[in-house]
Amino acid sequence: MTKPVTILGPDGNPLPPMQPSRGKMLAPGGGAPYDAADAFGEHVAAWRPYLYSPDGELNMYRDRIVARVRDLVRNDGWASGAVTRILDNAIGGHFRPLIKPDWRALKAYTGNKAFDATWAHEFSQVASANWRSWAFDQGRYCDAQRKLTIVQLLRLGFRHKLIDGDSLIQVCWIPERIGMGRARYATAMQLIDPDRLSNPQQQFDSNTSRGGVAVDQFGAAVGYWIRRAHQGDWWAAADSVTWEYIPREDQYGRPYIIHDFDSDRAGQHRGGAGIFTPVLQRMKMLAKYDSVELDAAVINSIFGAYIESPFDHSLVADAVGDETDLSAYQVERSNYHAERKTMLGEARVPILFPGEKINMVAAERPNANFAAFEKSFLRNFASATGLSAQQMSHDWSDTNYSSARGALLEAYKTLTRRRNDFASNTAQPILCCFLEESMEVDDYPLPGGAPSFMECRSMYSRAEWMGPARGWIDPVAEKQGAVLGMDAGLSTLQQECMEQGLDYEEVLEQRKREIDKFSELGIPPPTWAGMQVPGYVPASQTITKPEPT
């Protein structure tokens, strides 16, 4: 028997055992340190996805994915409802900025002590008023197509981002609209369908162009290739195969194109085809399942019962020959049913011909497990969209206050993050472009020696964007909690008002007007007025001192 050989190293000690080679580890039965790396297990042997680049895994398939997602949203109630819920909760109908210039930064930058909180408040009031006059102008001059207000335009852009993965807006300068009782500003926004953003002549991606986005050596977007017309516009065939290059911004940093999308990976230059991409196949399968169940239920409601006869005269005639007349049986059946009209009250009693019997169709649709199966699917879809399952299905029958509030708070985090991202990447640049022109043509309270807008654009245009109200499930309990939070210093009136879609300054000003109105009319103030205004005495309770003699 051969003895094992011990190999010694340079230091005279035995060498450690050799580790398995890479080839052995990859061979069948070789094993892998992680189950996820096992290439030969029966559950993962056929699971070998390709390691795509960030743009390579999406841009080539983007058109097909988006076309399917749009078809689903058009024709499926669950998908359409999910988009509506997100739009209503993230943007709503009153998405607006609370302009708050960074006076501390301006003061530190310029050394001018005139930049203080009082100046910031005055600047904010003027800027907000000018913004409203532009954003909600009845002539819709803020929209290059003159169809939408800024809020409506932003909501449509956010819808494109949810469904298509991209929001694309061109900042236009249209001075010919100014004057003659029309536009006050030349700045206008043009919403562009993301389908028109693509490489010229549908070329493959390259080092300088990714999905229509021109990039520099660092991967930063420097321009965009936009079709003159959509590829589906048959009436503009020539323009649909012509691309225009639009720079990202001018030499002073004013944007020409505002492109917004959610990045899933570093180095990505186009959006990930919307929120439904991960569950697209399953949603399509559920839509098909819904249709099949509905068809079966309709058939069951129509086809409820039938009469079975032991003979078919045509088949029997073919079997025994044409000479035998077996149709007499069918004739007798017909005559019998035509003459036999036995009635019990006002109901006819069915009396069958000899050899006949009635069979009933058992209604087995919808499937007894259909509701539970569909609910399980919808939870999967809700998780992908960031909504709660109750918001997705509008079924709150199996929830209580705690579970409903917990689900809505989790959904609110995602909705708030989406709103903030869209505000930073799309709404804020629009506000910045407007203020750049507004500070040139309108009268703003600026101290002497104030820097130009272009020099300190981020400081002047700082703002918080306020969306729709979060709402309450239990108004009494939640309002009491808000009061306790403010009293304990854990919250502020501004935070509580913003959660309900309100501007705290407008709330305070309105309360002041209401309190003054109570005093003017001599009406005893309500409890809240007395609590909020220490020492307040309404006119009806004021004691007039007699004049001295």
Protein backbone atom coordinates (compact mmCIF):
# COMPACT_ATOMS: atom_id res chain seq x y z
CA MET A 1 0.00 0.00 0.00
CA THR A 2 1.40 3.38 -1.07
CA LYS A 3 1.84 5.86 1.74
CA PRO A 4 0.51 9.41 1.21
CA VAL A 5 3.20 11.87 0.24
CA THR A 6 3.52 15.08 2.23
CA ILE A 7 4.84 18.05 0.27
CA LEU A 8 6.81 20.55 2.27
CA GLY A 9 7.05 24.25 1.59
CA PRO A 10 10.18 26.48 1.60
CA ASP A 11 9.85 26.86 5.37
CA GLY A 12 9.83 23.11 5.86
CA ASN A 13 6.19 22.96 6.90
CA PRO A 14 3.55 20.92 5.00
CA LEU A 15 1.70 22.86 2.31
CA PRO A 16 -2.06 23.47 2.91
CA PRO A 17 -4.56 21.41 0.92
CA MET A 18 -5.19 22.72 -2.59
CA GLN A 19 -8.48 24.53 -3.22
CA PRO A 20 -10.69 23.24 -6.04
CA SER A 21 -9.90 24.88 -9.34
CA ARG A 22 -12.34 27.21 -11.05
CA GLY A 23 -12.93 24.57 -13.70
CA LYS A 24 -13.91 22.00 -11.10
CA MET A 25 -16.20 24.47 -9.35
CA LEU A 26 -18.05 25.15 -12.59
CA ALA A 27 -18.23 21.49 -13.57
CA PRO A 28 -21.34 19.37 -12.77
CA GLY A 29 -21.28 18.35 -9.14
CA GLY A 30 -18.43 20.73 -8.42
CA GLY A 31 -20.61 22.90 -6.19
CA ALA A 32 -20.50 26.68 -5.68
CA PRO A 33 -20.08 28.76 -2.54
CA TYR A 34 -23.56 30.31 -3.09
CA ASP A 35 -26.70 28.47 -4.11
CA ALA A 36 -27.47 31.46 -6.34
CA ALA A 37 -24.29 30.66 -8.33
CA ASP A 38 -25.14 26.99 -8.85
CA ALA A 39 -25.25 26.41 -12.62
CA PHE A 40 -26.46 22.80 -12.56
CA GLY A 41 -29.19 22.60 -9.90
CA GLU A 42 -32.49 21.32 -11.21
CA HIS A 43 -34.24 24.56 -10.25
CA VAL A 44 -31.72 26.98 -11.76
CA ALA A 45 -30.00 25.10 -14.57
CA ALA A 46 -32.17 26.78 -17.22
CA TRP A 47 -32.06 30.16 -15.49
CA ARG A 48 -29.14 31.95 -17.12
CA PRO A 49 -29.99 35.62 -17.74
CA TYR A 50 -27.54 37.73 -19.69
CA LEU A 51 -25.52 40.46 -17.96
CA TYR A 52 -26.77 43.49 -19.94
CA SER A 53 -25.47 47.05 -19.72
CA PRO A 54 -27.82 49.69 -18.21
CA ASP A 55 -28.85 51.08 -21.62
CA GLY A 56 -28.50 47.79 -23.49
CA GLU A 57 -31.09 45.95 -21.43
CA LEU A 58 -33.78 48.56 -22.14
CA ASN A 59 -33.28 50.76 -25.18
CA MET A 60 -33.57 47.99 -27.79
CA TYR A 61 -36.86 46.73 -26.29
CA ARG A 62 -38.29 50.00 -25.06
CA ASP A 63 -40.84 50.54 -27.87
CA ARG A 64 -42.34 47.05 -27.51
CA ILE A 65 -42.62 47.33 -23.72
CA VAL A 66 -44.19 50.79 -23.82
CA ALA A 67 -46.70 49.78 -26.50
CA ARG A 68 -47.86 46.86 -24.35
CA VAL A 69 -48.06 48.95 -21.17
CA ARG A 70 -50.14 51.63 -22.92
CA ASP A 71 -52.51 49.00 -24.30
CA LEU A 72 -52.92 47.57 -20.80
CA VAL A 73 -53.63 50.98 -19.25
CA ARG A 74 -56.14 51.80 -22.02
CA ASN A 75 -58.11 48.57 -21.66
CA ASP A 76 -57.62 47.27 -18.12
CA GLY A 77 -59.48 48.86 -15.23
CA TRP A 78 -56.93 47.86 -12.58
CA ALA A 79 -54.00 49.42 -14.44
CA SER A 80 -55.94 52.55 -15.38
CA GLY A 81 -57.15 52.95 -11.81
CA ALA A 82 -53.63 52.57 -10.41
CA VAL A 83 -52.34 55.39 -12.62
CA THR A 84 -55.26 57.60 -11.61
CA ARG A 85 -54.65 56.94 -7.88
CA ILE A 86 -50.97 57.84 -8.15
CA LEU A 87 -51.65 61.01 -10.14
CA ASP A 88 -54.37 62.14 -7.73
CA ASN A 89 -52.22 61.51 -4.66
CA ALA A 90 -48.88 62.78 -5.96
CA ILE A 91 -49.87 65.74 -8.20
CA GLY A 92 -53.59 66.32 -7.85
CA GLY A 93 -55.21 69.50 -9.08
CA HIS A 94 -53.30 72.11 -7.03
CA PHE A 95 -49.61 71.18 -7.30
CA ARG A 96 -47.84 74.45 -6.52
CA PRO A 97 -44.60 75.86 -5.15
CA LEU A 98 -44.09 77.55 -1.81
CA ILE A 99 -41.29 79.87 -2.90
CA LYS A 100 -38.74 80.39 -0.12
CA PRO A 101 -35.56 82.10 -1.31
CA ASP A 102 -32.49 81.05 0.62
CA TRP A 103 -31.85 84.40 2.29
CA ARG A 104 -29.12 83.00 4.54
CA ALA A 105 -27.11 81.86 1.53
CA LEU A 106 -27.68 85.19 -0.23
CA LYS A 107 -26.61 87.07 2.88
CA ALA A 108 -23.45 84.99 3.21
CA TYR A 109 -22.68 85.28 -0.51
CA THR A 110 -23.15 89.05 -0.75
CA GLY A 111 -22.49 90.20 2.80
CA ASN A 112 -25.66 92.29 2.52
CA LYS A 113 -27.66 92.22 5.76
CA ALA A 114 -30.78 93.33 3.89
CA PHE A 115 -31.25 89.69 2.90
CA ASP A 116 -33.23 88.53 5.94
CA ALA A 117 -36.41 86.62 6.75
CA THR A 118 -38.59 89.71 6.22
CA TRP A 119 -37.16 90.27 2.75
CA ALA A 120 -37.58 86.57 1.93
CA HIS A 121 -41.26 86.71 2.88
CA GLU A 122 -41.89 89.79 0.73
CA PHE A 123 -40.01 88.26 -2.22
CA SER A 124 -41.99 85.04 -1.84
CA GLN A 125 -45.34 86.84 -1.92
CA VAL A 126 -44.44 88.74 -5.11
CA ALA A 127 -42.94 85.69 -6.84
CA SER A 128 -45.94 83.50 -5.94
CA ALA A 129 -48.38 86.08 -7.29
CA ASN A 130 -46.48 86.35 -10.58
CA TRP A 131 -46.26 82.55 -10.82
CA ARG A 132 -50.03 82.23 -10.45
CA SER A 133 -50.63 84.84 -13.15
CA TRP A 134 -48.49 82.79 -15.54
CA ALA A 135 -49.37 79.25 -14.51
CA PHE A 136 -53.16 79.78 -14.50
CA ASP A 137 -53.54 82.42 -17.22
CA GLN A 138 -56.87 82.04 -19.00
CA GLY A 139 -55.10 82.25 -22.35
CA ARG A 140 -52.95 79.23 -21.45
CA TYR A 141 -49.84 81.03 -22.69
CA CYS A 142 -47.69 78.99 -20.30
CA ASP A 143 -48.32 76.03 -22.64
CA ALA A 144 -46.80 76.30 -26.13
CA GLN A 145 -49.90 74.53 -27.47
CA ARG A 146 -52.16 76.79 -25.37
CA LYS A 147 -54.23 73.91 -24.00
CA LEU A 148 -53.14 73.27 -20.42
CA THR A 149 -52.34 75.11 -17.22
CA ILE A 150 -48.97 74.36 -15.65
CA VAL A 151 -50.57 71.98 -13.14
CA GLN A 152 -52.32 70.07 -15.92
CA LEU A 153 -49.13 70.00 -17.96
CA LEU A 154 -47.13 68.67 -14.99
CA ARG A 155 -49.76 66.02 -14.30
CA LEU A 156 -49.62 64.85 -17.92
CA GLY A 157 -45.82 64.80 -17.80
CA PHE A 158 -45.94 62.71 -14.63
CA ARG A 159 -48.39 60.33 -16.34
CA HIS A 160 -45.86 59.84 -19.15
CA LYS A 161 -43.23 59.11 -16.53
CA LEU A 162 -45.41 56.47 -14.85
CA ILE A 163 -46.44 54.71 -18.06
CA ASP A 164 -43.59 55.35 -20.52
CA GLY A 165 -40.74 55.80 -18.05
CA ASP A 166 -39.80 59.28 -19.34
CA SER A 167 -41.12 62.83 -19.03
CA LEU A 168 -39.88 65.19 -21.75
CA ILE A 169 -40.55 68.95 -21.82
CA GLN A 170 -39.08 71.58 -24.15
CA VAL A 171 -38.65 75.11 -22.79
CA CYS A 172 -39.76 77.50 -25.53
CA TRP A 173 -39.24 81.26 -25.97
CA ILE A 174 -42.19 82.86 -27.84
CA PRO A 175 -41.86 86.67 -27.61
CA GLU A 176 -44.35 87.29 -30.44
CA ARG A 177 -47.20 86.39 -28.08
CA ILE A 178 -46.43 89.23 -25.66
CA GLY A 179 -48.62 92.34 -25.66
CA MET A 180 -52.01 93.30 -27.07
CA GLY A 181 -53.75 91.88 -23.98
CA ARG A 182 -52.25 88.43 -24.51
CA ALA A 183 -49.19 86.89 -22.85
CA ARG A 184 -47.13 88.67 -20.19
CA TYR A 185 -44.16 86.34 -20.58
CA ALA A 186 -42.37 84.73 -23.51
CA THR A 187 -41.54 81.55 -21.58
CA ALA A 188 -43.74 78.58 -22.49
CA MET A 189 -43.53 74.81 -22.06
CA GLN A 190 -43.93 72.21 -24.80
CA LEU A 191 -44.68 68.66 -23.63
CA ILE A 192 -43.09 66.10 -26.00
CA ASP A 193 -44.12 62.47 -26.40
CA PRO A 194 -41.13 60.34 -25.26
CA ASP A 195 -41.53 58.14 -28.37
CA ARG A 196 -40.01 60.95 -30.42
CA LEU A 197 -36.75 60.76 -28.44
CA SER A 198 -34.57 58.25 -30.32
CA ASN A 199 -31.33 57.87 -32.23
CA PRO A 200 -31.41 59.37 -35.75
CA GLN A 201 -32.64 56.86 -38.33
CA GLN A 202 -33.05 54.30 -35.51
CA GLN A 203 -29.33 53.70 -35.30
CA PHE A 204 -27.91 51.46 -32.59
CA ASP A 205 -26.60 53.05 -29.39
CA SER A 206 -23.05 54.33 -29.48
CA ASN A 207 -20.53 56.07 -27.25
CA THR A 208 -22.13 59.42 -28.03
CA SER A 209 -25.85 58.60 -28.34
CA ARG A 210 -28.01 56.41 -26.05
CA GLY A 211 -31.67 56.09 -26.91
CA GLY A 212 -31.67 59.56 -28.48
CA VAL A 213 -29.71 61.17 -25.63
CA ALA A 214 -26.38 62.67 -26.74
CA VAL A 215 -23.75 62.21 -24.02
CA ASP A 216 -20.21 63.43 -23.35
CA GLN A 217 -17.20 61.42 -22.17
CA PHE A 218 -18.56 61.38 -18.60
CA GLY A 219 -21.98 60.13 -19.63
CA ALA A 220 -23.68 63.48 -18.96
CA ALA A 221 -26.52 64.42 -21.31
CA VAL A 222 -25.54 67.31 -23.59
CA GLY A 223 -28.41 67.19 -26.10
CA TYR A 224 -31.40 65.28 -27.42
CA TRP A 225 -32.38 63.90 -30.84
CA ILE A 226 -36.11 64.57 -31.32
CA ARG A 227 -38.21 63.47 -34.30
CA ARG A 228 -40.14 66.29 -35.92
CA ALA A 229 -43.28 64.13 -35.83
CA HIS A 230 -44.34 60.89 -34.19
CA GLN A 231 -43.59 57.75 -36.17
CA GLY A 232 -47.33 56.97 -36.14
CA ASP A 233 -48.27 60.27 -37.80
CA TRP A 234 -48.91 58.98 -41.34
CA TRP A 235 -49.94 62.51 -42.42
CA ALA A 236 -46.43 63.75 -41.55
CA ALA A 237 -44.36 60.94 -43.03
CA ALA A 238 -41.45 63.17 -44.04
CA ASP A 239 -41.18 64.80 -40.61
CA SER A 240 -41.47 61.43 -38.85
CA VAL A 241 -38.13 60.35 -40.38
CA THR A 242 -36.39 63.66 -39.69
CA TRP A 243 -34.57 64.29 -36.41
CA GLU A 244 -33.58 67.61 -34.86
CA TYR A 245 -30.78 68.01 -32.37
CA ILE A 246 -31.70 70.19 -29.37
CA PRO A 247 -28.98 71.08 -26.85
CA ARG A 248 -29.69 70.39 -23.21
CA GLU A 249 -29.19 74.04 -22.20
CA ASP A 250 -27.85 77.35 -23.44
CA GLN A 251 -24.48 78.85 -22.54
CA TYR A 252 -25.92 80.43 -19.37
CA GLY A 253 -27.46 77.22 -18.06
CA ARG A 254 -31.10 77.88 -19.06
CA PRO A 255 -32.51 74.49 -20.07
CA TYR A 256 -33.92 73.81 -23.52
CA ILE A 257 -35.01 70.25 -22.64
CA ILE A 258 -36.17 68.96 -19.24
CA HIS A 259 -35.82 65.17 -19.20
CA ASP A 260 -36.99 63.26 -16.12
CA PHE A 261 -36.87 59.52 -15.43
CA ASP A 262 -36.18 57.15 -12.53
CA SER A 263 -32.78 55.49 -12.79
CA ASP A 264 -32.54 51.83 -11.83
CA ARG A 265 -28.80 51.56 -12.48
CA ALA A 266 -25.77 53.81 -12.76
CA GLY A 267 -25.08 54.97 -16.29
CA GLN A 268 -28.72 54.80 -17.42
CA HIS A 269 -29.96 57.44 -19.89
CA ARG A 270 -33.62 56.48 -20.51
CA GLY A 271 -36.46 55.57 -18.20
CA GLY A 272 -37.25 51.99 -17.23
CA ALA A 273 -40.49 51.82 -19.25
CA GLY A 274 -42.83 52.68 -16.39
CA ILE A 275 -44.14 51.13 -13.21
CA PHE A 276 -46.01 48.21 -14.83
CA THR A 277 -43.05 46.58 -16.58
CA PRO A 278 -42.24 44.05 -13.80
CA VAL A 279 -45.84 42.77 -13.65
CA LEU A 280 -46.94 43.28 -17.25
CA GLN A 281 -47.34 39.61 -18.18
CA ARG A 282 -49.21 38.77 -15.00
CA MET A 283 -51.58 41.70 -15.40
CA LYS A 284 -52.33 40.64 -18.96
CA MET A 285 -52.99 37.09 -17.78
CA LEU A 286 -55.35 38.34 -15.06
CA ALA A 287 -57.21 40.48 -17.61
CA LYS A 288 -57.65 37.40 -19.80
CA TYR A 289 -58.80 35.36 -16.79
CA ASP A 290 -61.38 38.05 -15.94
CA SER A 291 -62.73 37.90 -19.49
CA VAL A 292 -62.99 34.09 -19.47
CA GLU A 293 -64.86 34.08 -16.15
CA LEU A 294 -67.23 36.78 -17.39
CA ASP A 295 -67.93 34.91 -20.65
CA ALA A 296 -68.65 31.72 -18.71
CA ALA A 297 -71.01 33.55 -16.33
CA VAL A 298 -72.90 35.10 -19.27
CA ILE A 299 -73.27 31.73 -20.99
CA ASN A 300 -74.57 30.16 -17.78
CA SER A 301 -77.16 32.92 -17.39
CA ILE A 302 -78.47 32.36 -20.93
CA PHE A 303 -78.29 28.57 -21.18
CA GLY A 304 -80.10 27.44 -18.01
CA ALA A 305 -82.01 24.27 -19.00
CA TYR A 306 -82.63 21.99 -21.97
CA ILE A 307 -84.88 19.06 -22.94
CA GLU A 308 -83.25 15.75 -23.80
CA SER A 309 -84.97 13.40 -26.29
CA PRO A 310 -84.00 9.76 -26.92
CA PHE A 311 -84.22 10.09 -30.71
CA ASP A 312 -82.71 12.17 -33.45
CA HIS A 313 -84.76 11.45 -36.56
CA SER A 314 -82.09 12.49 -39.06
CA LEU A 315 -79.36 10.34 -37.52
CA VAL A 316 -81.63 7.31 -37.12
CA ALA A 317 -82.86 7.70 -40.70
CA ASP A 318 -79.32 7.65 -41.97
CA ALA A 319 -78.62 4.53 -39.93
CA VAL A 320 -81.62 2.40 -40.99
CA GLY A 321 -82.21 3.75 -44.47
CA ASP A 322 -84.26 6.44 -46.15
CA GLU A 323 -87.37 4.32 -46.51
CA THR A 324 -88.25 4.34 -42.82
CA ASP A 325 -90.05 7.48 -41.79
CA LEU A 326 -89.07 8.19 -38.19
CA SER A 327 -89.90 11.86 -38.33
CA ALA A 328 -93.40 11.07 -37.08
CA TYR A 329 -92.02 10.97 -33.55
CA GLN A 330 -90.72 14.51 -33.81
CA VAL A 331 -94.03 15.66 -35.33
CA GLU A 332 -95.97 14.14 -32.47
CA ARG A 333 -93.64 15.85 -29.98
CA SER A 334 -94.23 19.19 -31.63
CA ASN A 335 -98.01 18.77 -31.67
CA TYR A 336 -98.00 17.62 -28.05
CA HIS A 337 -96.13 20.69 -26.80
CA ALA A 338 -98.26 23.00 -28.93
CA GLU A 339 -101.55 21.64 -27.52
CA ARG A 340 -100.56 20.74 -23.97
CA LYS A 341 -100.91 23.89 -21.91
CA THR A 342 -101.76 22.66 -18.42
CA MET A 343 -101.75 25.71 -16.10
CA LEU A 344 -101.47 25.95 -12.32
CA GLY A 345 -102.68 29.44 -11.50
CA GLU A 346 -100.72 31.64 -13.90
CA ALA A 347 -97.78 29.26 -14.22
CA ARG A 348 -97.50 26.66 -16.90
CA VAL A 349 -96.85 23.10 -15.66
CA PRO A 350 -94.28 21.35 -17.85
CA ILE A 351 -95.61 17.93 -18.89
CA LEU A 352 -93.11 16.09 -21.06
CA PHE A 353 -93.68 13.83 -24.03
CA PRO A 354 -92.88 10.15 -23.41
CA GLY A 355 -89.11 9.63 -23.59
CA GLU A 356 -88.19 13.25 -22.79
CA LYS A 357 -86.50 14.61 -19.70
CA ILE A 358 -85.32 18.07 -18.52
CA ASN A 359 -81.66 18.64 -17.70
CA MET A 360 -80.48 21.72 -15.76
CA VAL A 361 -77.14 23.47 -16.36
CA ALA A 362 -75.18 23.79 -13.12
CA ALA A 363 -73.76 27.33 -12.87
CA GLU A 364 -70.14 26.79 -11.87
CA ARG A 365 -68.99 30.30 -12.78
CA PRO A 366 -67.50 32.40 -11.43
CA ASN A 367 -65.12 29.95 -9.82
CA ALA A 368 -65.52 29.78 -6.04
CA ASN A 369 -61.82 30.61 -5.61
CA PHE A 370 -61.81 33.42 -8.16
CA ALA A 371 -62.18 36.31 -5.68
CA ALA A 372 -59.34 35.10 -3.43
CA PHE A 373 -57.14 34.37 -6.45
CA GLU A 374 -57.75 37.82 -7.91
CA LYS A 375 -57.08 39.53 -4.57
CA SER A 376 -53.75 37.72 -4.27
CA PHE A 377 -52.78 38.89 -7.76
CA LEU A 378 -53.79 42.47 -7.00
CA ARG A 379 -51.55 42.53 -3.93
CA ASN A 380 -48.66 41.65 -6.21
CA PHE A 381 -49.61 44.46 -8.59
CA ALA A 382 -50.09 46.97 -5.76
CA SER A 383 -46.61 46.19 -4.45
CA ALA A 384 -45.12 46.98 -7.86
CA THR A 385 -46.99 50.28 -8.22
CA GLY A 386 -46.27 51.50 -4.68
CA LEU A 387 -49.96 51.65 -3.74
CA SER A 388 -51.68 49.74 -0.98
CA ALA A 389 -53.79 46.75 -1.98
CA GLN A 390 -56.90 48.59 -0.81
CA GLN A 391 -56.12 51.59 -3.00
CA MET A 392 -55.57 49.28 -5.97
CA SER A 393 -58.84 47.38 -5.58
CA HIS A 394 -60.93 50.02 -3.75
CA ASP A 395 -62.01 47.20 -1.45
CA TRP A 396 -61.79 48.26 2.22
CA SER A 397 -64.16 45.61 3.55
CA ASP A 398 -61.47 43.53 5.29
CA THR A 399 -59.56 46.39 6.97
CA ASN A 400 -59.83 48.23 10.24
CA TYR A 401 -58.53 51.68 11.18
CA SER A 402 -55.04 50.52 12.20
CA SER A 403 -54.40 48.33 9.17
CA ALA A 404 -55.83 50.91 6.75
CA ARG A 405 -53.76 53.72 8.24
CA GLY A 406 -50.63 51.57 8.24
CA ALA A 407 -51.12 50.65 4.58
CA LEU A 408 -51.77 54.26 3.57
CA LEU A 409 -48.74 55.54 5.48
CA GLU A 410 -46.49 53.09 3.63
CA ALA A 411 -48.04 54.08 0.30
CA TYR A 412 -47.72 57.76 1.25
CA LYS A 413 -43.95 57.37 1.64
CA THR A 414 -43.65 56.14 -1.94
CA LEU A 415 -46.06 58.77 -3.26
CA THR A 416 -44.16 61.53 -1.43
CA ARG A 417 -40.85 60.33 -2.79
CA ARG A 418 -42.23 60.24 -6.33
CA ARG A 419 -43.68 63.72 -5.92
CA ASN A 420 -40.41 65.11 -4.55
CA ASP A 421 -38.38 63.51 -7.34
CA PHE A 422 -40.70 64.90 -10.00
CA ALA A 423 -40.68 68.31 -8.32
CA SER A 424 -36.87 68.40 -8.25
CA ASN A 425 -36.33 67.10 -11.78
CA THR A 426 -39.23 68.70 -13.67
CA ALA A 427 -41.27 71.26 -11.72
CA GLN A 428 -38.33 73.10 -10.17
CA PRO A 429 -36.52 73.72 -13.51
CA ILE A 430 -39.80 75.13 -14.88
CA LEU A 431 -40.09 77.49 -11.92
CA CYS A 432 -36.46 78.50 -12.39
CA CYS A 433 -37.03 79.34 -16.07
CA PHE A 434 -40.10 81.41 -15.20
CA LEU A 435 -38.36 83.37 -12.42
CA GLU A 436 -35.44 84.12 -14.73
CA GLU A 437 -37.77 86.04 -17.03
CA SER A 438 -40.10 87.35 -14.30
CA MET A 439 -37.28 89.04 -12.38
CA GLU A 440 -36.35 90.86 -15.59
CA VAL A 441 -39.83 92.19 -16.42
CA ASP A 442 -41.56 92.44 -13.00
CA ASP A 443 -40.86 94.62 -9.98
CA TYR A 444 -39.30 92.60 -7.14
CA PRO A 445 -38.25 93.83 -3.69
CA LEU A 446 -34.47 93.52 -4.16
CA PRO A 447 -31.95 95.38 -1.97
CA GLY A 448 -29.25 97.51 -3.54
CA GLY A 449 -26.39 95.55 -5.02
CA ALA A 450 -28.40 92.33 -5.23
CA PRO A 451 -26.80 89.73 -7.54
CA SER A 452 -28.50 88.81 -10.80
CA PHE A 453 -30.76 85.81 -11.04
CA MET A 454 -28.30 83.95 -13.29
CA GLU A 455 -25.59 84.38 -10.66
CA CYS A 456 -27.67 82.94 -7.79
CA ARG A 457 -30.51 81.08 -9.52
CA SER A 458 -30.66 78.26 -6.94
CA MET A 459 -30.85 80.71 -4.03
CA TYR A 460 -33.61 82.84 -5.57
CA SER A 461 -35.73 79.92 -6.85
CA ARG A 462 -35.60 77.68 -3.76
CA ALA A 463 -39.09 76.28 -3.13
CA GLU A 464 -41.06 73.47 -1.55
CA TRP A 465 -43.70 71.86 -3.75
CA MET A 466 -47.05 71.16 -2.16
CA GLY A 467 -49.28 68.42 -3.49
CA PRO A 468 -52.81 67.24 -2.62
CA ALA A 469 -54.01 66.64 0.91
CA ARG A 470 -53.17 63.34 2.54
CA GLY A 471 -56.61 63.24 4.16
CA TRP A 472 -57.79 61.55 7.33
CA ILE A 473 -59.22 58.17 8.19
CA ASP A 474 -60.29 59.23 11.69
CA PRO A 475 -60.39 63.07 11.63
CA VAL A 476 -60.87 63.45 15.40
CA ALA A 477 -57.98 61.20 16.45
CA GLU A 478 -55.60 62.47 13.77
CA LYS A 479 -56.32 66.15 14.41
CA GLN A 480 -55.80 65.60 18.11
CA GLY A 481 -52.47 63.95 17.31
CA ALA A 482 -51.48 66.92 15.14
CA VAL A 483 -52.22 69.34 17.99
CA LEU A 484 -50.25 67.23 20.46
CA GLY A 485 -47.31 67.10 18.03
CA MET A 486 -47.24 70.87 17.64
CA ASP A 487 -47.58 71.43 21.39
CA ALA A 488 -44.70 69.04 22.04
CA GLY A 489 -42.49 70.69 19.44
CA LEU A 490 -42.42 67.55 17.26
CA SER A 491 -44.25 69.21 14.38
CA THR A 492 -45.08 72.65 13.03
CA LEU A 493 -48.17 74.31 11.64
CA GLN A 494 -46.45 74.46 8.27
CA GLN A 495 -45.86 70.69 8.23
CA GLU A 496 -49.39 69.88 9.33
CA CYS A 497 -50.90 72.25 6.77
CA MET A 498 -48.74 70.95 3.92
CA GLU A 499 -49.91 67.38 4.61
CA GLN A 500 -53.44 68.64 3.99
CA GLY A 501 -52.55 70.64 0.89
CA LEU A 502 -52.72 74.02 2.66
CA ASP A 503 -50.38 77.00 2.97
CA TYR A 504 -50.03 77.80 6.66
CA GLU A 505 -49.72 81.55 5.98
CA GLU A 506 -53.00 81.54 4.09
CA VAL A 507 -54.58 79.59 6.96
CA LEU A 508 -53.38 82.10 9.58
CA GLU A 509 -54.43 85.09 7.49
CA GLN A 510 -57.89 83.59 7.01
CA ARG A 511 -58.22 82.92 10.74
CA LYS A 512 -57.24 86.50 11.49
CA ARG A 513 -59.95 87.75 9.13
CA GLU A 514 -62.50 85.45 10.75
CA ILE A 515 -61.59 86.57 14.29
CA ASP A 516 -61.81 90.21 13.24
CA LYS A 517 -65.20 89.52 11.67
CA PHE A 518 -66.48 88.04 14.95
CA SER A 519 -65.38 91.21 16.74
CA GLU A 520 -66.86 93.48 14.07
CA LEU A 521 -70.27 91.80 14.23
CA GLY A 522 -70.27 91.51 18.02
CA ILE A 523 -70.53 87.71 17.93
CA PRO A 524 -68.99 85.72 20.80
CA PRO A 525 -65.88 84.00 19.39
CA PRO A 526 -65.71 80.22 19.24
CA THR A 527 -63.44 78.29 21.56
CA TRP A 528 -60.59 78.06 19.08
CA ALA A 529 -60.49 81.84 18.67
CA GLY A 530 -60.30 82.43 22.42
CA MET A 531 -57.61 79.78 22.83
CA GLN A 532 -55.47 81.03 20.00
CA VAL A 533 -55.67 84.74 20.92
CA PRO A 534 -54.79 85.21 24.61
CA GLY A 535 -56.51 88.25 26.11
CA TYR A 536 -58.81 88.66 23.11
CA VAL A 537 -62.10 90.35 24.06
CA PRO A 538 -64.84 90.56 21.43
CA ALA A 539 -66.71 93.80 20.91
CA SER A 540 -69.84 92.44 22.59
CA GLN A 541 -67.92 91.96 25.84
CA THR A 542 -65.98 95.22 25.82
CA ILE A 543 -66.79 97.53 28.76
CA THR A 544 -66.79 101.18 27.85
CA LYS A 545 -65.44 103.40 30.61
CA PRO A 546 -67.38 106.61 31.33
CA GLU A 547 -65.79 109.84 30.30
CA PRO A 548 -64.28 111.79 33.23
CA THR A 549 -66.27 114.84 34.33
